[in-house]
Amino acid sequence: MLPNLVRGARVMAKISEFMTVGEASAYLGVSASSLRRWDRAGALKASRHPISGYRLYLKSHLDEFLSQVGAAEKPPTRSSGAKKTVKRTRD
């Protein structure tokens, strides 16, 4: 039987309150690799599943992280009037 609780930084929370790397990356709009890199750098610490050792993220920690760094914006899209540079080759 799996335990109901995961030990986090200072809190014990139900496992259902956590997101997997894939869920957290979708929630933040970044890649899973970015989350893992931020975890290694200490910018966004993950908790670990007690059995598998997989990274898990509390939604409240993700919301706090977003408020500190600001919500990630999507890169601007090219407007219809923007000029596209194309390299032409001779036939």
Protein backbone atom coordinates (compact mmCIF):
# COMPACT_ATOMS: atom_id res chain seq x y z
CA MET A 1 0.00 0.00 0.00
CA LEU A 2 1.35 3.44 -0.94
CA PRO A 3 1.57 6.08 1.75
CA ASN A 4 -0.86 8.99 1.57
CA LEU A 5 1.78 11.55 2.33
CA VAL A 6 4.90 12.89 0.68
CA ARG A 7 7.48 14.79 2.67
CA GLY A 8 7.97 18.22 1.12
CA ALA A 9 10.20 21.09 2.11
CA ARG A 10 8.40 21.93 5.36
CA VAL A 11 4.97 20.47 4.80
CA MET A 12 3.39 17.08 4.64
CA ALA A 13 0.68 17.01 2.02
CA LYS A 14 -1.54 14.43 0.40
CA ILE A 15 -0.09 12.92 -2.74
CA SER A 16 -3.16 14.14 -4.65
CA GLU A 17 -2.03 17.74 -4.06
CA PHE A 18 1.11 17.16 -6.13
CA MET A 19 1.72 17.34 -9.87
CA THR A 20 4.09 15.18 -11.86
CA VAL A 21 6.85 16.74 -13.96
CA GLY A 22 4.64 16.48 -17.06
CA GLU A 23 1.63 18.03 -15.36
CA ALA A 24 3.71 20.82 -13.81
CA SER A 25 5.45 21.62 -17.09
CA ALA A 26 2.08 21.90 -18.85
CA TYR A 27 0.76 24.06 -15.99
CA LEU A 28 3.73 26.45 -16.25
CA GLY A 29 3.99 26.29 -20.03
CA VAL A 30 7.63 25.16 -20.00
CA SER A 31 9.44 21.95 -20.86
CA ALA A 32 10.00 19.13 -18.40
CA SER A 33 13.74 19.68 -18.91
CA SER A 34 13.38 23.25 -17.64
CA LEU A 35 11.70 22.01 -14.46
CA ARG A 36 14.45 19.48 -13.85
CA ARG A 37 17.13 22.13 -14.48
CA TRP A 38 15.43 24.59 -12.09
CA ASP A 39 15.25 21.82 -9.47
CA ARG A 40 18.99 21.11 -9.80
CA ALA A 41 19.72 24.86 -9.60
CA GLY A 42 17.47 25.27 -6.54
CA ALA A 43 15.14 27.77 -8.22
CA LEU A 44 12.07 25.51 -7.91
CA LYS A 45 12.53 22.60 -5.56
CA ALA A 46 10.64 19.41 -6.16
CA SER A 47 9.55 16.93 -3.54
CA ARG A 48 10.19 13.25 -4.18
CA HIS A 49 7.73 10.38 -4.26
CA PRO A 50 8.56 8.14 -1.28
CA ILE A 51 8.61 4.93 -3.34
CA SER A 52 9.68 5.84 -6.88
CA GLY A 53 11.78 8.93 -6.13
CA TYR A 54 10.10 10.81 -9.01
CA ARG A 55 9.92 14.59 -8.76
CA LEU A 56 6.58 15.99 -7.61
CA TYR A 57 5.50 19.62 -7.42
CA LEU A 58 2.89 21.17 -5.12
CA LYS A 59 0.51 23.40 -7.07
CA SER A 60 0.84 26.05 -4.35
CA HIS A 61 4.64 26.09 -4.87
CA LEU A 62 4.16 26.46 -8.63
CA ASP A 63 1.76 29.38 -8.08
CA GLU A 64 4.24 31.01 -5.71
CA PHE A 65 7.03 30.52 -8.26
CA LEU A 66 4.90 32.14 -10.97
CA SER A 67 4.15 35.12 -8.76
CA GLN A 68 7.87 35.60 -8.08
CA VAL A 69 9.10 35.36 -11.66
CA GLY A 70 5.94 36.46 -13.44
CA ALA A 71 3.84 34.32 -15.69
CA ALA A 72 5.79 33.14 -18.70
CA GLU A 73 4.58 34.85 -21.84
CA LYS A 74 4.37 33.13 -25.16
CA PRO A 75 6.82 34.52 -27.70
CA PRO A 76 5.25 37.10 -29.97
CA THR A 77 3.89 35.71 -33.20
CA ARG A 78 4.75 37.20 -36.54
CA SER A 79 2.07 39.59 -37.72
CA SER A 80 0.73 39.15 -41.23
CA GLY A 81 2.62 42.25 -42.34
CA ALA A 82 5.97 41.12 -40.99
CA LYS A 83 8.63 40.39 -43.54
CA LYS A 84 9.97 36.84 -43.69
CA THR A 85 13.57 36.41 -44.73
CA VAL A 86 14.01 33.60 -47.20
CA LYS A 87 17.29 32.48 -48.62
CA ARG A 88 16.92 31.82 -52.33
CA THR A 89 19.01 29.44 -54.33
CA ARG A 90 19.59 29.37 -58.07
CA ASP A 91 18.16 26.48 -60.06
